[in-house]
N, C-alpha and C. Protein backbone atom coordinates (compact mmCIF):
# COMPACT_ATOMS: atom_id res chain seq x y z
N LYS A 1 -131.54 -15.73 -82.90
CA LYS A 1 -130.55 -15.67 -83.98
C LYS A 1 -129.33 -14.92 -83.46
N MET A 2 -128.26 -15.64 -83.29
CA MET A 2 -127.06 -15.07 -82.71
C MET A 2 -126.14 -14.47 -83.77
N LYS A 3 -125.53 -13.34 -83.39
CA LYS A 3 -124.51 -12.72 -84.22
C LYS A 3 -123.25 -12.60 -83.37
N ALA A 4 -122.13 -12.98 -83.96
CA ALA A 4 -120.87 -12.97 -83.20
C ALA A 4 -119.74 -12.40 -84.03
N LEU A 5 -118.82 -11.76 -83.31
CA LEU A 5 -117.61 -11.19 -83.90
C LEU A 5 -116.42 -11.92 -83.30
N ILE A 6 -115.61 -12.51 -84.15
CA ILE A 6 -114.38 -13.19 -83.74
C ILE A 6 -113.23 -12.29 -84.17
N ILE A 7 -112.45 -11.81 -83.21
CA ILE A 7 -111.31 -10.94 -83.53
C ILE A 7 -110.02 -11.74 -83.34
N THR A 8 -109.20 -11.76 -84.40
CA THR A 8 -107.96 -12.52 -84.35
C THR A 8 -106.92 -11.87 -85.26
N TRP A 9 -105.87 -12.58 -85.54
CA TRP A 9 -104.73 -12.08 -86.32
C TRP A 9 -104.09 -13.27 -87.01
N GLU A 10 -103.33 -13.02 -88.05
CA GLU A 10 -102.60 -14.10 -88.69
C GLU A 10 -101.76 -14.83 -87.65
N GLY A 11 -101.68 -16.15 -87.77
CA GLY A 11 -100.93 -16.94 -86.80
C GLY A 11 -101.75 -17.32 -85.59
N TYR A 12 -103.09 -17.25 -85.71
CA TYR A 12 -103.98 -17.64 -84.62
C TYR A 12 -103.82 -19.12 -84.29
N GLN A 13 -104.30 -19.53 -83.12
CA GLN A 13 -104.33 -20.95 -82.76
C GLN A 13 -105.51 -21.55 -83.50
N ASP A 14 -105.23 -22.41 -84.44
CA ASP A 14 -106.22 -22.90 -85.40
C ASP A 14 -107.52 -23.39 -84.76
N GLN A 15 -107.42 -24.29 -83.78
CA GLN A 15 -108.61 -24.85 -83.17
C GLN A 15 -109.48 -23.77 -82.52
N GLU A 16 -108.87 -22.70 -82.05
CA GLU A 16 -109.58 -21.69 -81.28
C GLU A 16 -110.31 -20.67 -82.15
N VAL A 17 -110.10 -20.75 -83.45
CA VAL A 17 -110.90 -19.96 -84.39
C VAL A 17 -111.87 -20.87 -85.13
N VAL A 18 -111.39 -22.01 -85.57
CA VAL A 18 -112.20 -22.92 -86.37
C VAL A 18 -113.42 -23.42 -85.59
N TYR A 19 -113.19 -23.94 -84.38
CA TYR A 19 -114.31 -24.50 -83.64
C TYR A 19 -115.37 -23.44 -83.29
N PRO A 20 -115.00 -22.31 -82.68
CA PRO A 20 -116.04 -21.32 -82.38
C PRO A 20 -116.79 -20.85 -83.63
N TYR A 21 -116.07 -20.66 -84.73
CA TYR A 21 -116.71 -20.20 -85.95
C TYR A 21 -117.82 -21.16 -86.38
N TYR A 22 -117.47 -22.43 -86.50
CA TYR A 22 -118.48 -23.39 -86.98
C TYR A 22 -119.54 -23.69 -85.94
N ARG A 23 -119.18 -23.69 -84.68
CA ARG A 23 -120.19 -23.90 -83.62
C ARG A 23 -121.19 -22.74 -83.60
N LEU A 24 -120.70 -21.52 -83.75
CA LEU A 24 -121.60 -20.37 -83.78
C LEU A 24 -122.45 -20.33 -85.04
N ARG A 25 -121.92 -20.86 -86.14
CA ARG A 25 -122.73 -20.95 -87.36
C ARG A 25 -123.97 -21.81 -87.14
N GLU A 26 -123.88 -22.78 -86.23
CA GLU A 26 -125.04 -23.62 -85.91
C GLU A 26 -126.15 -22.83 -85.24
N GLU A 27 -125.83 -21.67 -84.68
CA GLU A 27 -126.79 -20.86 -83.94
C GLU A 27 -127.51 -19.85 -84.82
N THR A 28 -127.20 -19.82 -86.11
CA THR A 28 -127.81 -18.84 -86.99
C THR A 28 -128.15 -19.47 -88.33
N SER A 29 -129.12 -18.91 -89.01
CA SER A 29 -129.46 -19.39 -90.35
C SER A 29 -128.68 -18.62 -91.42
N ASN A 30 -127.97 -17.58 -91.01
CA ASN A 30 -127.23 -16.74 -91.95
C ASN A 30 -125.74 -16.78 -91.61
N PRO A 31 -124.92 -17.43 -92.42
CA PRO A 31 -123.48 -17.51 -92.12
C PRO A 31 -122.82 -16.15 -91.97
N GLU A 32 -123.39 -15.11 -92.57
CA GLU A 32 -122.81 -13.77 -92.47
C GLU A 32 -122.99 -13.16 -91.08
N ASP A 33 -123.76 -13.82 -90.22
CA ASP A 33 -123.94 -13.33 -88.86
C ASP A 33 -122.72 -13.63 -87.98
N ILE A 34 -121.82 -14.45 -88.47
CA ILE A 34 -120.58 -14.76 -87.74
C ILE A 34 -119.44 -14.13 -88.53
N VAL A 35 -118.86 -13.09 -87.97
CA VAL A 35 -117.83 -12.31 -88.65
C VAL A 35 -116.47 -12.63 -88.07
N ILE A 36 -115.53 -12.93 -88.95
CA ILE A 36 -114.13 -13.07 -88.53
C ILE A 36 -113.42 -11.79 -88.93
N MET A 37 -112.88 -11.11 -87.94
CA MET A 37 -112.16 -9.85 -88.15
C MET A 37 -110.68 -10.11 -87.87
N ALA A 38 -109.83 -9.67 -88.79
CA ALA A 38 -108.39 -9.89 -88.64
C ALA A 38 -107.62 -8.73 -89.27
N ASN A 39 -106.32 -8.87 -89.29
CA ASN A 39 -105.46 -7.84 -89.87
C ASN A 39 -105.46 -7.89 -91.40
N VAL A 40 -106.04 -8.91 -91.97
CA VAL A 40 -106.17 -9.05 -93.42
C VAL A 40 -107.58 -9.56 -93.72
N THR A 41 -108.03 -9.34 -94.94
CA THR A 41 -109.29 -9.95 -95.36
C THR A 41 -108.98 -11.07 -96.33
N GLY A 42 -109.95 -11.95 -96.47
CA GLY A 42 -109.76 -13.10 -97.34
C GLY A 42 -109.11 -14.24 -96.59
N ARG A 43 -108.49 -15.09 -97.34
CA ARG A 43 -107.90 -16.31 -96.80
C ARG A 43 -106.64 -15.99 -95.99
N PHE A 44 -106.60 -16.50 -94.76
CA PHE A 44 -105.41 -16.33 -93.92
C PHE A 44 -105.30 -17.55 -93.03
N SER A 45 -104.12 -17.79 -92.48
CA SER A 45 -103.92 -19.07 -91.79
C SER A 45 -103.46 -18.91 -90.35
N GLY A 46 -103.72 -19.98 -89.61
CA GLY A 46 -103.26 -20.10 -88.23
C GLY A 46 -101.87 -20.70 -88.19
N ILE A 47 -101.37 -20.92 -86.98
CA ILE A 47 -99.99 -21.43 -86.83
C ILE A 47 -99.84 -22.87 -87.31
N LEU A 48 -100.94 -23.61 -87.39
CA LEU A 48 -100.87 -24.99 -87.87
C LEU A 48 -101.19 -25.10 -89.36
N GLY A 49 -101.50 -23.96 -90.00
CA GLY A 49 -101.73 -23.95 -91.44
C GLY A 49 -103.17 -24.07 -91.88
N VAL A 50 -104.12 -24.05 -90.95
CA VAL A 50 -105.53 -24.10 -91.33
C VAL A 50 -105.95 -22.73 -91.81
N TYR A 51 -106.55 -22.69 -93.00
CA TYR A 51 -107.00 -21.43 -93.57
C TYR A 51 -108.44 -21.15 -93.19
N MET A 52 -108.70 -19.90 -92.88
CA MET A 52 -110.06 -19.41 -92.64
C MET A 52 -110.23 -18.17 -93.51
N GLU A 53 -111.46 -17.67 -93.57
CA GLU A 53 -111.74 -16.48 -94.36
C GLU A 53 -112.10 -15.33 -93.42
N SER A 54 -111.35 -14.27 -93.48
CA SER A 54 -111.67 -13.07 -92.73
C SER A 54 -112.49 -12.16 -93.64
N ASN A 55 -113.58 -11.65 -93.11
CA ASN A 55 -114.41 -10.75 -93.92
C ASN A 55 -114.50 -9.35 -93.33
N ALA A 56 -113.61 -9.04 -92.38
CA ALA A 56 -113.57 -7.69 -91.81
C ALA A 56 -112.15 -7.41 -91.32
N LEU A 57 -111.74 -6.16 -91.42
CA LEU A 57 -110.41 -5.74 -90.98
C LEU A 57 -110.46 -5.12 -89.59
N THR A 58 -109.47 -5.41 -88.77
CA THR A 58 -109.40 -4.78 -87.45
C THR A 58 -109.32 -3.26 -87.59
N ASP A 59 -108.78 -2.77 -88.69
CA ASP A 59 -108.70 -1.32 -88.91
C ASP A 59 -110.08 -0.66 -88.96
N GLU A 60 -111.13 -1.45 -89.22
CA GLU A 60 -112.49 -0.89 -89.20
C GLU A 60 -112.81 -0.29 -87.84
N LEU A 61 -112.15 -0.80 -86.79
CA LEU A 61 -112.43 -0.34 -85.44
C LEU A 61 -111.81 1.02 -85.15
N LYS A 62 -111.16 1.61 -86.14
CA LYS A 62 -110.68 2.98 -86.02
C LYS A 62 -111.80 3.97 -86.35
N ASN A 63 -112.85 3.47 -86.99
CA ASN A 63 -113.96 4.31 -87.43
C ASN A 63 -115.10 4.21 -86.41
N PRO A 64 -115.47 5.32 -85.77
CA PRO A 64 -116.54 5.30 -84.75
C PRO A 64 -117.86 4.71 -85.25
N LYS A 65 -118.20 4.94 -86.53
CA LYS A 65 -119.45 4.38 -87.07
C LYS A 65 -119.38 2.86 -87.13
N SER A 66 -118.24 2.32 -87.54
CA SER A 66 -118.07 0.86 -87.58
C SER A 66 -118.12 0.27 -86.18
N VAL A 67 -117.48 0.97 -85.24
CA VAL A 67 -117.48 0.50 -83.85
C VAL A 67 -118.92 0.40 -83.35
N GLU A 68 -119.71 1.45 -83.56
CA GLU A 68 -121.10 1.44 -83.11
C GLU A 68 -121.90 0.34 -83.80
N LYS A 69 -121.64 0.12 -85.09
CA LYS A 69 -122.34 -0.93 -85.82
C LYS A 69 -122.08 -2.28 -85.17
N TYR A 70 -120.83 -2.60 -84.90
CA TYR A 70 -120.51 -3.89 -84.28
C TYR A 70 -121.06 -3.98 -82.86
N LEU A 71 -120.97 -2.90 -82.12
CA LEU A 71 -121.48 -2.90 -80.75
C LEU A 71 -122.99 -3.11 -80.72
N ASN A 72 -123.69 -2.54 -81.68
CA ASN A 72 -125.15 -2.64 -81.71
C ASN A 72 -125.66 -3.93 -82.35
N GLU A 73 -124.93 -4.47 -83.32
CA GLU A 73 -125.44 -5.61 -84.08
C GLU A 73 -124.98 -6.96 -83.57
N MET A 74 -123.85 -7.03 -82.90
CA MET A 74 -123.30 -8.31 -82.48
C MET A 74 -123.69 -8.65 -81.05
N ASP A 75 -123.83 -9.94 -80.78
CA ASP A 75 -124.24 -10.41 -79.46
C ASP A 75 -123.07 -10.93 -78.63
N MET A 76 -122.06 -11.49 -79.30
CA MET A 76 -120.94 -12.11 -78.61
C MET A 76 -119.63 -11.70 -79.28
N LEU A 77 -118.62 -11.49 -78.45
CA LEU A 77 -117.27 -11.21 -78.93
C LEU A 77 -116.41 -12.40 -78.55
N VAL A 78 -115.76 -13.01 -79.54
CA VAL A 78 -114.90 -14.17 -79.30
C VAL A 78 -113.45 -13.75 -79.47
N LEU A 79 -112.64 -14.05 -78.43
CA LEU A 79 -111.22 -13.74 -78.44
C LEU A 79 -110.44 -15.04 -78.39
N PRO A 80 -110.09 -15.59 -79.56
CA PRO A 80 -109.31 -16.82 -79.60
C PRO A 80 -107.86 -16.55 -79.19
N GLY A 81 -107.14 -17.63 -78.95
CA GLY A 81 -105.74 -17.50 -78.59
C GLY A 81 -104.81 -17.65 -79.78
N GLY A 82 -103.59 -17.95 -79.44
CA GLY A 82 -102.49 -18.01 -80.38
C GLY A 82 -101.50 -16.97 -79.94
N VAL A 83 -100.46 -17.42 -79.28
CA VAL A 83 -99.53 -16.47 -78.65
C VAL A 83 -98.96 -15.47 -79.66
N LYS A 84 -98.60 -15.91 -80.85
CA LYS A 84 -98.04 -15.00 -81.85
C LYS A 84 -99.08 -13.99 -82.31
N ALA A 85 -100.29 -14.48 -82.54
CA ALA A 85 -101.37 -13.59 -82.99
C ALA A 85 -101.70 -12.55 -81.94
N LEU A 86 -101.78 -12.98 -80.69
CA LEU A 86 -102.18 -12.05 -79.63
C LEU A 86 -101.09 -11.05 -79.29
N GLU A 87 -99.84 -11.43 -79.44
CA GLU A 87 -98.76 -10.47 -79.21
C GLU A 87 -98.88 -9.29 -80.17
N LYS A 88 -99.35 -9.56 -81.38
CA LYS A 88 -99.54 -8.47 -82.36
C LYS A 88 -100.86 -7.75 -82.14
N LEU A 89 -101.92 -8.51 -81.95
CA LEU A 89 -103.25 -7.93 -81.81
C LEU A 89 -103.35 -7.00 -80.61
N ARG A 90 -102.71 -7.35 -79.51
CA ARG A 90 -102.83 -6.53 -78.31
C ARG A 90 -102.09 -5.21 -78.41
N GLN A 91 -101.37 -5.00 -79.50
CA GLN A 91 -100.69 -3.72 -79.73
C GLN A 91 -101.57 -2.74 -80.52
N GLU A 92 -102.72 -3.20 -80.94
CA GLU A 92 -103.63 -2.38 -81.74
C GLU A 92 -104.56 -1.61 -80.80
N LYS A 93 -104.24 -0.34 -80.57
CA LYS A 93 -104.97 0.48 -79.59
C LYS A 93 -106.47 0.53 -79.88
N HIS A 94 -106.84 0.65 -81.14
CA HIS A 94 -108.25 0.72 -81.49
C HIS A 94 -109.00 -0.58 -81.14
N VAL A 95 -108.31 -1.71 -81.23
CA VAL A 95 -108.93 -2.98 -80.85
C VAL A 95 -109.12 -3.02 -79.33
N LEU A 96 -108.12 -2.57 -78.58
CA LEU A 96 -108.22 -2.53 -77.13
C LEU A 96 -109.38 -1.64 -76.68
N GLU A 97 -109.51 -0.49 -77.32
CA GLU A 97 -110.60 0.42 -76.99
C GLU A 97 -111.95 -0.22 -77.28
N PHE A 98 -112.03 -0.96 -78.38
CA PHE A 98 -113.28 -1.64 -78.73
C PHE A 98 -113.63 -2.70 -77.68
N VAL A 99 -112.66 -3.51 -77.30
CA VAL A 99 -112.91 -4.55 -76.29
C VAL A 99 -113.35 -3.91 -74.98
N ASN A 100 -112.71 -2.81 -74.63
CA ASN A 100 -113.07 -2.10 -73.40
C ASN A 100 -114.52 -1.59 -73.47
N GLU A 101 -114.89 -1.01 -74.59
CA GLU A 101 -116.25 -0.49 -74.76
C GLU A 101 -117.26 -1.63 -74.77
N TRP A 102 -116.93 -2.72 -75.44
CA TRP A 102 -117.81 -3.90 -75.47
C TRP A 102 -118.09 -4.36 -74.04
N ASN A 103 -117.03 -4.46 -73.26
CA ASN A 103 -117.15 -4.88 -71.87
C ASN A 103 -117.97 -3.89 -71.04
N SER A 104 -117.78 -2.61 -71.28
CA SER A 104 -118.51 -1.59 -70.50
C SER A 104 -120.02 -1.69 -70.74
N ARG A 105 -120.41 -2.28 -71.86
CA ARG A 105 -121.83 -2.47 -72.17
C ARG A 105 -122.34 -3.82 -71.68
N ASN A 106 -121.48 -4.53 -70.96
CA ASN A 106 -121.82 -5.82 -70.35
C ASN A 106 -122.25 -6.87 -71.38
N LYS A 107 -121.64 -6.80 -72.55
CA LYS A 107 -121.91 -7.77 -73.60
C LYS A 107 -120.98 -8.96 -73.43
N VAL A 108 -121.41 -10.14 -73.88
CA VAL A 108 -120.67 -11.37 -73.64
C VAL A 108 -119.34 -11.39 -74.40
N ILE A 109 -118.30 -11.73 -73.65
CA ILE A 109 -116.96 -11.94 -74.20
C ILE A 109 -116.58 -13.39 -73.93
N ALA A 110 -116.24 -14.12 -74.97
CA ALA A 110 -115.77 -15.50 -74.85
C ALA A 110 -114.28 -15.51 -75.20
N SER A 111 -113.45 -15.74 -74.18
CA SER A 111 -112.00 -15.69 -74.37
C SER A 111 -111.40 -17.04 -74.04
N THR A 112 -110.45 -17.47 -74.85
CA THR A 112 -109.76 -18.71 -74.56
C THR A 112 -108.25 -18.53 -74.71
N CYS A 113 -107.52 -19.29 -73.93
CA CYS A 113 -106.06 -19.36 -74.01
C CYS A 113 -105.43 -17.97 -73.87
N HIS A 114 -104.66 -17.55 -74.88
CA HIS A 114 -104.00 -16.24 -74.84
C HIS A 114 -104.93 -15.09 -75.20
N GLY A 115 -106.20 -15.37 -75.48
CA GLY A 115 -107.18 -14.31 -75.66
C GLY A 115 -107.26 -13.42 -74.43
N ALA A 116 -106.91 -13.99 -73.28
CA ALA A 116 -106.90 -13.21 -72.03
C ALA A 116 -105.92 -12.05 -72.12
N GLN A 117 -104.86 -12.19 -72.92
CA GLN A 117 -103.92 -11.07 -73.07
C GLN A 117 -104.61 -9.84 -73.63
N LEU A 118 -105.54 -10.05 -74.53
CA LEU A 118 -106.27 -8.92 -75.12
C LEU A 118 -107.16 -8.27 -74.06
N MET A 119 -107.75 -9.09 -73.21
CA MET A 119 -108.57 -8.52 -72.12
C MET A 119 -107.70 -7.78 -71.11
N ILE A 120 -106.53 -8.32 -70.81
CA ILE A 120 -105.60 -7.66 -69.88
C ILE A 120 -105.20 -6.29 -70.44
N SER A 121 -104.78 -6.28 -71.70
CA SER A 121 -104.35 -5.02 -72.32
C SER A 121 -105.50 -4.04 -72.49
N SER A 122 -106.72 -4.54 -72.54
CA SER A 122 -107.91 -3.69 -72.64
C SER A 122 -108.36 -3.19 -71.28
N LYS A 123 -107.68 -3.64 -70.24
CA LYS A 123 -107.94 -3.19 -68.86
C LYS A 123 -109.35 -3.52 -68.38
N ILE A 124 -109.78 -4.78 -68.63
CA ILE A 124 -111.13 -5.17 -68.23
C ILE A 124 -111.17 -6.33 -67.25
N VAL A 125 -110.03 -6.83 -66.79
CA VAL A 125 -110.05 -8.03 -65.96
C VAL A 125 -109.95 -7.77 -64.46
N GLU A 126 -109.63 -6.56 -64.06
CA GLU A 126 -109.44 -6.29 -62.64
C GLU A 126 -110.68 -6.68 -61.83
N GLY A 127 -110.45 -7.45 -60.77
CA GLY A 127 -111.53 -7.88 -59.91
C GLY A 127 -112.33 -9.06 -60.42
N LYS A 128 -111.95 -9.61 -61.57
CA LYS A 128 -112.69 -10.72 -62.18
C LYS A 128 -111.95 -12.04 -61.96
N LYS A 129 -112.68 -13.13 -62.06
CA LYS A 129 -112.09 -14.47 -62.09
C LYS A 129 -111.93 -14.82 -63.57
N ILE A 130 -110.69 -15.16 -63.95
CA ILE A 130 -110.36 -15.38 -65.35
C ILE A 130 -109.56 -16.67 -65.50
N SER A 131 -109.92 -17.45 -66.50
CA SER A 131 -109.10 -18.60 -66.88
C SER A 131 -108.36 -18.23 -68.15
N ALA A 132 -107.15 -18.76 -68.28
CA ALA A 132 -106.31 -18.47 -69.44
C ALA A 132 -105.23 -19.55 -69.50
N TYR A 133 -104.46 -19.52 -70.54
CA TYR A 133 -103.37 -20.48 -70.65
C TYR A 133 -102.46 -20.35 -69.43
N TYR A 134 -102.02 -21.47 -68.89
CA TYR A 134 -101.28 -21.47 -67.62
C TYR A 134 -100.03 -20.58 -67.64
N SER A 135 -99.41 -20.39 -68.79
CA SER A 135 -98.18 -19.60 -68.84
C SER A 135 -98.41 -18.11 -68.60
N ILE A 136 -99.67 -17.67 -68.69
CA ILE A 136 -99.95 -16.25 -68.42
C ILE A 136 -100.72 -16.07 -67.11
N LYS A 137 -100.65 -17.06 -66.25
CA LYS A 137 -101.27 -16.97 -64.92
C LYS A 137 -100.80 -15.72 -64.19
N ASP A 138 -99.48 -15.46 -64.19
CA ASP A 138 -98.96 -14.28 -63.50
C ASP A 138 -99.48 -12.99 -64.12
N ASP A 139 -99.62 -12.96 -65.43
CA ASP A 139 -100.14 -11.78 -66.11
C ASP A 139 -101.58 -11.50 -65.67
N VAL A 140 -102.37 -12.55 -65.58
CA VAL A 140 -103.77 -12.41 -65.15
C VAL A 140 -103.81 -11.86 -63.72
N ASN A 141 -103.05 -12.49 -62.83
CA ASN A 141 -103.03 -12.04 -61.43
C ASN A 141 -102.47 -10.64 -61.29
N ASN A 142 -101.41 -10.32 -62.03
CA ASN A 142 -100.80 -8.99 -61.95
C ASN A 142 -101.72 -7.90 -62.50
N ALA A 143 -102.68 -8.28 -63.33
CA ALA A 143 -103.65 -7.32 -63.86
C ALA A 143 -104.81 -7.09 -62.89
N GLY A 144 -104.75 -7.74 -61.74
CA GLY A 144 -105.79 -7.54 -60.73
C GLY A 144 -106.93 -8.53 -60.79
N ALA A 145 -106.79 -9.54 -61.62
CA ALA A 145 -107.81 -10.59 -61.70
C ALA A 145 -107.36 -11.77 -60.85
N GLU A 146 -108.25 -12.72 -60.69
CA GLU A 146 -107.91 -13.97 -60.01
C GLU A 146 -107.86 -15.07 -61.06
N TYR A 147 -106.69 -15.66 -61.23
CA TYR A 147 -106.53 -16.76 -62.19
C TYR A 147 -107.24 -18.00 -61.64
N VAL A 148 -108.04 -18.64 -62.49
CA VAL A 148 -108.74 -19.87 -62.11
C VAL A 148 -108.41 -20.94 -63.14
N ASP A 149 -107.91 -22.07 -62.67
CA ASP A 149 -107.59 -23.20 -63.54
C ASP A 149 -108.82 -24.10 -63.60
N ALA A 150 -109.65 -23.89 -64.60
CA ALA A 150 -110.87 -24.67 -64.78
C ALA A 150 -111.18 -24.71 -66.27
N PRO A 151 -111.97 -25.70 -66.72
CA PRO A 151 -112.31 -25.77 -68.15
C PRO A 151 -112.92 -24.49 -68.70
N TYR A 152 -113.71 -23.82 -67.88
CA TYR A 152 -114.22 -22.49 -68.22
C TYR A 152 -114.65 -21.80 -66.94
N VAL A 153 -114.66 -20.48 -66.98
CA VAL A 153 -115.06 -19.67 -65.84
C VAL A 153 -115.99 -18.59 -66.36
N ILE A 154 -117.10 -18.39 -65.66
CA ILE A 154 -118.01 -17.30 -65.99
C ILE A 154 -117.91 -16.26 -64.89
N ASP A 155 -117.62 -15.03 -65.25
CA ASP A 155 -117.64 -13.92 -64.31
C ASP A 155 -118.36 -12.77 -65.00
N THR A 156 -119.54 -12.47 -64.53
CA THR A 156 -120.46 -11.50 -65.13
C THR A 156 -120.61 -11.79 -66.62
N ASN A 157 -120.02 -10.97 -67.49
CA ASN A 157 -120.20 -11.11 -68.94
C ASN A 157 -119.05 -11.85 -69.63
N ILE A 158 -118.05 -12.29 -68.88
CA ILE A 158 -116.87 -12.93 -69.48
C ILE A 158 -116.88 -14.43 -69.23
N VAL A 159 -116.74 -15.19 -70.32
CA VAL A 159 -116.60 -16.64 -70.24
C VAL A 159 -115.20 -16.95 -70.75
N SER A 160 -114.33 -17.42 -69.85
CA SER A 160 -112.94 -17.65 -70.23
C SER A 160 -112.56 -19.11 -70.03
N SER A 161 -111.61 -19.55 -70.83
CA SER A 161 -111.16 -20.94 -70.82
C SER A 161 -109.65 -20.97 -71.04
N PRO A 162 -108.94 -21.96 -70.49
CA PRO A 162 -107.49 -21.96 -70.60
C PRO A 162 -106.92 -22.59 -71.88
N HIS A 163 -107.69 -23.44 -72.55
CA HIS A 163 -107.06 -24.25 -73.60
C HIS A 163 -108.12 -24.83 -74.53
N TYR A 164 -107.72 -25.15 -75.74
CA TYR A 164 -108.67 -25.70 -76.70
C TYR A 164 -109.18 -27.09 -76.34
N HIS A 165 -108.61 -27.73 -75.34
CA HIS A 165 -109.15 -29.02 -74.89
C HIS A 165 -110.59 -28.89 -74.41
N TRP A 166 -111.00 -27.68 -74.01
CA TRP A 166 -112.33 -27.45 -73.46
C TRP A 166 -113.19 -26.57 -74.36
N MET A 167 -112.95 -26.63 -75.68
CA MET A 167 -113.74 -25.82 -76.61
C MET A 167 -115.24 -26.05 -76.47
N GLY A 168 -115.66 -27.30 -76.37
CA GLY A 168 -117.09 -27.60 -76.31
C GLY A 168 -117.75 -27.00 -75.09
N GLU A 169 -117.17 -27.23 -73.92
CA GLU A 169 -117.74 -26.71 -72.68
C GLU A 169 -117.73 -25.18 -72.67
N TRP A 170 -116.62 -24.60 -73.13
CA TRP A 170 -116.48 -23.14 -73.18
C TRP A 170 -117.53 -22.49 -74.08
N MET A 171 -117.66 -23.02 -75.31
CA MET A 171 -118.63 -22.42 -76.24
C MET A 171 -120.06 -22.63 -75.76
N LYS A 172 -120.35 -23.78 -75.17
CA LYS A 172 -121.70 -24.01 -74.64
C LYS A 172 -122.02 -22.96 -73.58
N ALA A 173 -121.09 -22.73 -72.67
CA ALA A 173 -121.31 -21.74 -71.61
C ALA A 173 -121.49 -20.34 -72.20
N ALA A 174 -120.68 -20.00 -73.20
CA ALA A 174 -120.77 -18.66 -73.81
C ALA A 174 -122.10 -18.49 -74.56
N ILE A 175 -122.52 -19.51 -75.27
CA ILE A 175 -123.80 -19.44 -76.00
C ILE A 175 -124.96 -19.36 -75.01
N ASP A 176 -124.92 -20.17 -73.96
CA ASP A 176 -125.98 -20.13 -72.95
C ASP A 176 -126.06 -18.74 -72.30
N LEU A 177 -124.90 -18.16 -71.97
CA LEU A 177 -124.91 -16.83 -71.35
C LEU A 177 -125.46 -15.79 -72.32
N THR A 178 -125.06 -15.86 -73.58
CA THR A 178 -125.55 -14.91 -74.59
C THR A 178 -127.06 -15.05 -74.75
N ASN A 179 -127.55 -16.27 -74.81
CA ASN A 179 -128.98 -16.49 -74.97
C ASN A 179 -129.80 -16.05 -73.76
N SER A 180 -129.16 -15.97 -72.60
CA SER A 180 -129.88 -15.57 -71.40
C SER A 180 -129.98 -14.05 -71.26
N LYS A 181 -129.27 -13.31 -72.10
CA LYS A 181 -129.28 -11.84 -72.00
C LYS A 181 -130.38 -11.23 -72.83
């Protein structure tokens, strides 16, 4: 029974939240095991206008008890893209600290497109092979990672993908890695 946390922000890339959310729902009998965390709760939309429901606030990650709860209860962290969303999300220090702590515990991170920006700002990509949207190739390399142009890349606990064209392959790899832990 998988539990996953999807962290995003208003203006997310619609496909990169919608597909992982519903694909991960297939892995559990309880829809509440898949949490969408954002800057608002309730109905919010991506850049293409698709509405999703957020049931947790990123501000919860300012509270050490909430941080421990998510670290202990969740199996996978999903970092969708959306350049506008990630430009805002990566400025949230408490979110960066959470991603860094999640990574330090070697828990699975599934990142796609501009989700890599959150990993870069969280200082977790150095020495790793990372795929991301082609426009941030230099950012990935400048952060000490090796940019890889592939449908998905697995490096230890991180499964990264460059674009929503490879949602199926990316999520399959992330689910398989999570199930193997």
